[in-house]
C-alpha atoms as a PDB file:
ATOM      1  CA  MET A   1     -10.551 -12.749 -25.269  1.00  0.00           C
ATOM      2  CA  SER A   2     -12.938 -15.470 -23.452  1.00  0.00           C
ATOM      3  CA  ALA A   3     -13.780 -15.188 -19.576  1.00  0.00           C
ATOM      4  CA  GLU A   4     -11.666 -18.110 -19.127  1.00  0.00           C
ATOM      5  CA  GLU A   5      -8.064 -16.548 -20.997  1.00  0.00           C
ATOM      6  CA  LEU A   6      -9.135 -13.326 -18.954  1.00  0.00           C
ATOM      7  CA  GLU A   7      -9.919 -15.248 -15.352  1.00  0.00           C
ATOM      8  CA  ASN A   8      -6.089 -17.215 -15.696  1.00  0.00           C
ATOM      9  CA  TYR A   9      -4.517 -13.832 -16.387  1.00  0.00           C
ATOM     10  CA  GLU A  10      -5.354 -12.285 -14.042  1.00  0.00           C
ATOM     11  CA  ALA A  11      -4.625 -14.782 -11.765  1.00  0.00           C
ATOM     12  CA  ASP A  12      -1.384 -14.553 -12.767  1.00  0.00           C
ATOM     13  CA  VAL A  13      -0.965 -10.707 -12.369  1.00  0.00           C
ATOM     14  CA  GLU A  14      -1.912 -11.552  -9.004  1.00  0.00           C
ATOM     15  CA  LEU A  15       0.732 -13.600  -7.779  1.00  0.00           C
ATOM     16  CA  SER A  16       2.925 -11.820  -9.219  1.00  0.00           C
ATOM     17  CA  LEU A  17       1.653  -9.010  -7.277  1.00  0.00           C
ATOM     18  CA  TYR A  18       2.028 -10.961  -4.131  1.00  0.00           C
ATOM     19  CA  ARG A  19       5.547 -12.113  -5.002  1.00  0.00           C
ATOM     20  CA  GLU A  20       6.587  -8.512  -5.835  1.00  0.00           C
ATOM     21  CA  TYR A  21       5.258  -7.365  -2.789  1.00  0.00           C
ATOM     22  CA  ARG A  22       7.121 -10.216  -0.694  1.00  0.00           C
ATOM     23  CA  ASP A  23      10.624  -9.138  -2.351  1.00  0.00           C
ATOM     24  CA  VAL A  24       9.896  -5.505  -1.209  1.00  0.00           C
ATOM     25  CA  VAL A  25       7.883  -5.583   2.106  1.00  0.00           C
ATOM     26  CA  SER A  26      11.064  -5.545   4.180  1.00  0.00           C
ATOM     27  CA  GLN A  27      12.185  -2.028   2.868  1.00  0.00           C
ATOM     28  CA  PHE A  28       8.971  -0.405   4.761  1.00  0.00           C
ATOM     29  CA  SER A  29       8.282   0.387   7.582  1.00  0.00           C
ATOM     30  CA  TYR A  30       4.184   0.822   7.523  1.00  0.00           C
ATOM     31  CA  VAL A  31       1.468  -0.665   6.608  1.00  0.00           C
ATOM     32  CA  VAL A  32      -1.342   1.385   5.763  1.00  0.00           C
ATOM     33  CA  GLU A  33      -4.533  -0.102   4.085  1.00  0.00           C
ATOM     34  CA  THR A  34      -7.502   2.213   2.856  1.00  0.00           C
ATOM     35  CA  GLU A  35     -11.020   1.574   1.408  1.00  0.00           C
ATOM     36  CA  ARG A  36      -9.605   1.169  -1.841  1.00  0.00           C
ATOM     37  CA  ARG A  37      -5.770   0.349  -1.648  1.00  0.00           C
ATOM     38  CA  PHE A  38      -3.303  -1.699   0.187  1.00  0.00           C
ATOM     39  CA  TYR A  39       0.513   0.257   0.603  1.00  0.00           C
ATOM     40  CA  LEU A  40       3.743  -0.118   1.641  1.00  0.00           C
ATOM     41  CA  ALA A  41       5.152   3.267   2.697  1.00  0.00           C
ATOM     42  CA  ASN A  42       8.173   4.331   5.047  1.00  0.00           C
ATOM     43  CA  ALA A  43       6.874   8.072   6.614  1.00  0.00           C
ATOM     44  CA  VAL A  44       2.525   8.458   7.079  1.00  0.00           C
ATOM     45  CA  GLU A  45       1.081  11.744   7.706  1.00  0.00           C
ATOM     46  CA  LEU A  46      -2.806  10.682   9.114  1.00  0.00           C
ATOM     47  CA  ILE A  47      -4.490  14.063   9.566  1.00  0.00           C
ATOM     48  CA  PRO A  48      -7.948  14.570  10.862  1.00  0.00           C
ATOM     49  CA  ARG A  49     -10.269  17.032   9.025  1.00  0.00           C
ATOM     50  CA  THR A  50     -13.626  18.850   9.025  1.00  0.00           C
ATOM     51  CA  ALA A  51     -15.939  20.132   6.936  1.00  0.00           C
ATOM     52  CA  GLY A  52     -19.406  21.128   9.085  1.00  0.00           C
ATOM     53  CA  ASN A  53     -20.301  17.790  10.767  1.00  0.00           C
ATOM     54  CA  GLU A  54     -18.627  15.535   8.749  1.00  0.00           C
ATOM     55  CA  VAL A  55     -14.915  14.050   9.728  1.00  0.00           C
ATOM     56  CA  TYR A  56     -12.761  13.281   7.108  1.00  0.00           C
ATOM     57  CA  TYR A  57      -8.863  11.759   7.181  1.00  0.00           C
ATOM     58  CA  GLU A  58      -5.846  13.176   4.851  1.00  0.00           C
ATOM     59  CA  LEU A  59      -3.400  10.425   4.451  1.00  0.00           C
ATOM     60  CA  ARG A  60       0.403  11.266   3.508  1.00  0.00           C
ATOM     61  CA  MET A  61       2.408   8.633   3.187  1.00  0.00           C
ATOM     62  CA  SER A  62       6.398   9.434   0.735  1.00  0.00           C
ATOM     63  CA  ASP A  63       8.335   7.172   0.139  1.00  0.00           C
ATOM     64  CA  ALA A  64       5.450   3.733  -0.427  1.00  0.00           C
ATOM     65  CA  TRP A  65       4.552   0.918  -2.345  1.00  0.00           C
ATOM     66  CA  VAL A  66       0.771   0.303  -3.806  1.00  0.00           C
ATOM     67  CA  TRP A  67      -0.995  -2.978  -4.744  1.00  0.00           C
ATOM     68  CA  ASP A  68      -3.101  -2.064  -7.545  1.00  0.00           C
ATOM     69  CA  MET A  69      -2.092  -4.627 -10.369  1.00  0.00           C
ATOM     70  CA  TYR A  70      -3.562  -1.658 -13.117  1.00  0.00           C
ATOM     71  CA  ARG A  71      -0.683   0.422 -12.089  1.00  0.00           C
ATOM     72  CA  SER A  72       2.205   0.065 -14.107  1.00  0.00           C
ATOM     73  CA  ALA A  73       4.342   1.849 -11.401  1.00  0.00           C
ATOM     74  CA  ARG A  74       3.889   0.851  -7.824  1.00  0.00           C
ATOM     75  CA  PHE A  75       6.673   3.065  -6.444  1.00  0.00           C
ATOM     76  CA  VAL A  76       6.013   6.097  -5.827  1.00  0.00           C
ATOM     77  CA  ARG A  77       7.359   9.198  -4.122  1.00  0.00           C
ATOM     78  CA  TYR A  78       4.157  10.952  -2.417  1.00  0.00           C
ATOM     79  CA  VAL A  79       0.711   9.312  -2.117  1.00  0.00           C
ATOM     80  CA  ARG A  80      -2.006  12.074  -0.765  1.00  0.00           C
ATOM     81  CA  VAL A  81      -5.216  10.381  -0.027  1.00  0.00           C
ATOM     82  CA  ILE A  82      -8.311  11.429   0.870  1.00  0.00           C
ATOM     83  CA  THR A  83     -11.009   9.453   2.955  1.00  0.00           C
ATOM     84  CA  TYR A  84     -14.315   9.440   5.122  1.00  0.00           C
ATOM     85  CA  LYS A  85     -13.592   5.474   5.428  1.00  0.00           C
ATOM     86  CA  ASP A  86     -11.564   3.647   7.970  1.00  0.00           C
ATOM     87  CA  VAL A  87      -7.400   4.012   7.727  1.00  0.00           C
ATOM     88  CA  ASN A  88      -5.169   1.250   8.918  1.00  0.00           C
ATOM     89  CA  ILE A  89      -1.716   1.879   9.635  1.00  0.00           C
ATOM     90  CA  GLU A  90       0.713  -0.893  11.038  1.00  0.00           C
ATOM     91  CA  GLU A  91       4.270  -0.364  12.036  1.00  0.00           C
ATOM     92  CA  LEU A  92       6.152  -3.253  10.977  1.00  0.00           C
ATOM     93  CA  ASP A  93       8.755  -5.168  12.908  1.00  0.00           C
ATOM     94  CA  LYS A  94      11.950  -5.066  10.710  1.00  0.00           C
ATOM     95  CA  PRO A  95      14.088  -7.857  11.989  1.00  0.00           C
ATOM     96  CA  GLU A  96      18.067  -7.275  13.276  1.00  0.00           C
ATOM     97  CA  ILE A  97      20.825  -7.685  10.980  1.00  0.00           C
ATOM     98  CA  THR A  98      23.504  -8.911  12.259  1.00  0.00           C
ATOM     99  CA  PHE A  99      26.783 -10.042  10.382  1.00  0.00           C
ATOM    100  CA  PRO A 100      28.600 -12.832  10.642  1.00  0.00           C
ATOM    101  CA  GLN A 101      32.065 -12.190  12.876  1.00  0.00           C
END
């Protein structure tokens, strides 16, 4: 496989992943970013921990979707992440659903 073919393949996979994200984002309540991954989740718990003078974070998420083009299954029931880096958690606005009368 040439370098150009590899680039095209990766671009196609990224586009497919973006489309999947766009289709599923409305099913989730939180966007979570760590230094290594991007997640969508419906339940998030961030627990500060200490080890000596070091502070780290235990991040627990359930009913989640993982932005990772190399995973075959992006929907996961439970995720636990340990990190010394920043964690960003944002609550998504849920549009109110109205039904015609």
